[in-house]
Amino acid sequence: MSDPATQGIKTVLHPVIDLTRAKAVYAALFGMEPQTDAPYYIGFDIAGTHIGLVPAGGPQGMTSPVAYWHVPDIEASLAAVTAAGAVVVEPVRDVGRGRLVATFTDVDGNVLGLIQDQ
């Protein structure tokens, strides 16, 4: 049996307008303070899933939550989905510490993300 193409959805990012107010709501929901708390990003690690709050949708201009599928080879995964009809929104880029991300739309315009940790 070959390795699976994905390790599942482990990251979901939410664009927020007011980071302070959003942080309070999510902290109340999760019953804990965030593990990452910066002016540009708030992150919670909940039951094996990372939930991130991105002010104003961040540099990628997110307008709705984006689920990120963790994959072992982001280039191969992006090539496979585009060959099947997906359209690249944000090409592969390094966001620090060797983490690579990319986003694409499926054939119905839903935005999906890919993450590869080095």
Protein backbone atom coordinates (compact mmCIF):
# COMPACT_ATOMS: atom_id res chain seq x y z
CA MET A 1 0.00 0.00 0.00
CA SER A 2 1.36 3.45 -0.89
CA ASP A 3 1.49 6.46 1.42
CA PRO A 4 -1.75 8.45 1.53
CA ALA A 5 -1.82 11.70 -0.43
CA THR A 6 -2.98 13.61 2.66
CA GLN A 7 -2.62 13.45 6.41
CA GLY A 8 -6.02 15.09 6.85
CA ILE A 9 -7.27 18.54 7.73
CA LYS A 10 -5.18 19.74 10.64
CA THR A 11 -5.37 23.51 10.15
CA VAL A 12 -8.35 25.82 9.65
CA LEU A 13 -7.80 29.57 9.27
CA HIS A 14 -10.55 32.12 9.85
CA PRO A 15 -10.35 35.72 8.60
CA VAL A 16 -11.43 38.17 11.31
CA ILE A 17 -12.06 41.91 11.36
CA ASP A 18 -11.35 42.60 15.04
CA LEU A 19 -8.58 40.30 16.26
CA THR A 20 -9.04 41.21 19.94
CA ARG A 21 -12.77 40.53 19.96
CA ALA A 22 -12.40 37.36 17.90
CA LYS A 23 -9.68 36.09 20.25
CA ALA A 24 -12.06 36.52 23.21
CA VAL A 25 -14.84 34.57 21.47
CA TYR A 26 -12.61 31.68 20.42
CA ALA A 27 -10.88 31.56 23.84
CA ALA A 28 -14.34 31.29 25.45
CA LEU A 29 -15.38 28.59 22.99
CA PHE A 30 -12.23 26.52 23.54
CA GLY A 31 -11.92 27.26 27.28
CA MET A 32 -8.28 28.26 26.90
CA GLU A 33 -5.97 31.06 25.83
CA PRO A 34 -4.24 30.82 22.43
CA GLN A 35 -0.83 29.19 22.04
CA THR A 36 0.18 31.84 19.48
CA ASP A 37 -0.80 35.44 20.24
CA ALA A 38 0.64 38.08 17.91
CA PRO A 39 -0.77 41.22 16.26
CA TYR A 40 -0.75 39.42 12.90
CA TYR A 41 -2.08 35.99 14.01
CA ILE A 42 -3.82 34.17 16.86
CA GLY A 43 -3.53 30.37 16.99
CA PHE A 44 -5.20 27.70 19.10
CA ASP A 45 -4.24 24.03 19.15
CA ILE A 46 -7.39 22.02 19.89
CA ALA A 47 -7.54 18.21 19.85
CA GLY A 48 -4.94 17.84 17.09
CA THR A 49 -6.29 20.69 14.96
CA HIS A 50 -4.79 24.18 14.67
CA ILE A 51 -7.38 26.98 14.52
CA GLY A 52 -5.95 30.29 13.35
CA LEU A 53 -7.41 33.80 13.34
CA VAL A 54 -6.06 36.00 10.55
CA PRO A 55 -6.76 39.75 10.73
CA ALA A 56 -8.37 41.14 7.57
CA GLY A 57 -7.78 37.83 5.81
CA GLY A 58 -4.01 38.32 5.85
CA PRO A 59 -1.84 38.82 2.78
CA GLN A 60 -3.79 36.11 0.95
CA GLY A 61 -7.03 38.14 1.25
CA MET A 62 -9.14 35.36 2.77
CA THR A 63 -12.87 36.10 2.77
CA SER A 64 -14.05 32.87 4.42
CA PRO A 65 -12.51 30.09 6.53
CA VAL A 66 -10.02 27.88 4.70
CA ALA A 67 -9.36 24.25 5.66
CA TYR A 68 -5.78 23.19 5.04
CA TRP A 69 -4.99 19.59 4.11
CA HIS A 70 -1.58 18.48 5.35
CA VAL A 71 0.32 16.67 2.60
CA PRO A 72 3.76 15.05 2.32
CA ASP A 73 4.55 16.66 -1.08
CA ILE A 74 2.82 19.98 -1.71
CA GLU A 75 4.12 20.39 -5.27
CA ALA A 76 2.84 16.94 -6.30
CA SER A 77 -0.51 17.52 -4.57
CA LEU A 78 -0.99 20.91 -6.21
CA ALA A 79 -0.09 19.45 -9.60
CA ALA A 80 -2.56 16.59 -9.12
CA VAL A 81 -5.49 18.82 -8.16
CA THR A 82 -4.84 21.31 -10.96
CA ALA A 83 -4.61 18.45 -13.48
CA ALA A 84 -8.04 17.39 -12.21
CA GLY A 85 -9.53 20.87 -12.77
CA ALA A 86 -8.62 22.95 -9.70
CA VAL A 87 -7.30 26.49 -10.12
CA VAL A 88 -4.33 27.80 -8.12
CA VAL A 89 -5.19 30.85 -6.00
CA GLU A 90 -1.94 31.18 -4.08
CA PRO A 91 1.08 29.24 -5.37
CA VAL A 92 3.40 27.40 -3.00
CA ARG A 93 5.21 29.74 -0.63
CA ASP A 94 7.31 29.35 2.50
CA VAL A 95 5.64 30.95 5.54
CA GLY A 96 8.57 30.28 7.86
CA ARG A 97 10.30 27.41 9.61
CA GLY A 98 10.12 25.33 6.43
CA ARG A 99 6.32 25.29 6.31
CA LEU A 100 5.00 25.50 2.75
CA VAL A 101 1.43 26.56 1.95
CA ALA A 102 -0.70 26.97 -1.15
CA THR A 103 -4.39 27.49 -1.90
CA PHE A 104 -6.59 26.51 -4.81
CA THR A 105 -10.25 26.49 -5.78
CA ASP A 106 -12.13 23.34 -6.61
CA VAL A 107 -14.40 23.21 -9.65
CA ASP A 108 -17.19 24.92 -7.66
CA GLY A 109 -15.02 27.81 -6.46
CA ASN A 110 -14.48 26.57 -2.90
CA VAL A 111 -11.06 27.59 -1.55
CA LEU A 112 -8.95 24.77 -0.13
CA GLY A 113 -5.45 24.89 1.29
CA LEU A 114 -2.41 22.62 1.34
CA ILE A 115 0.36 22.57 3.95
CA GLN A 116 3.66 20.71 3.91
CA ASP A 117 5.91 20.78 6.96
CA GLN A 118 9.59 20.26 6.17
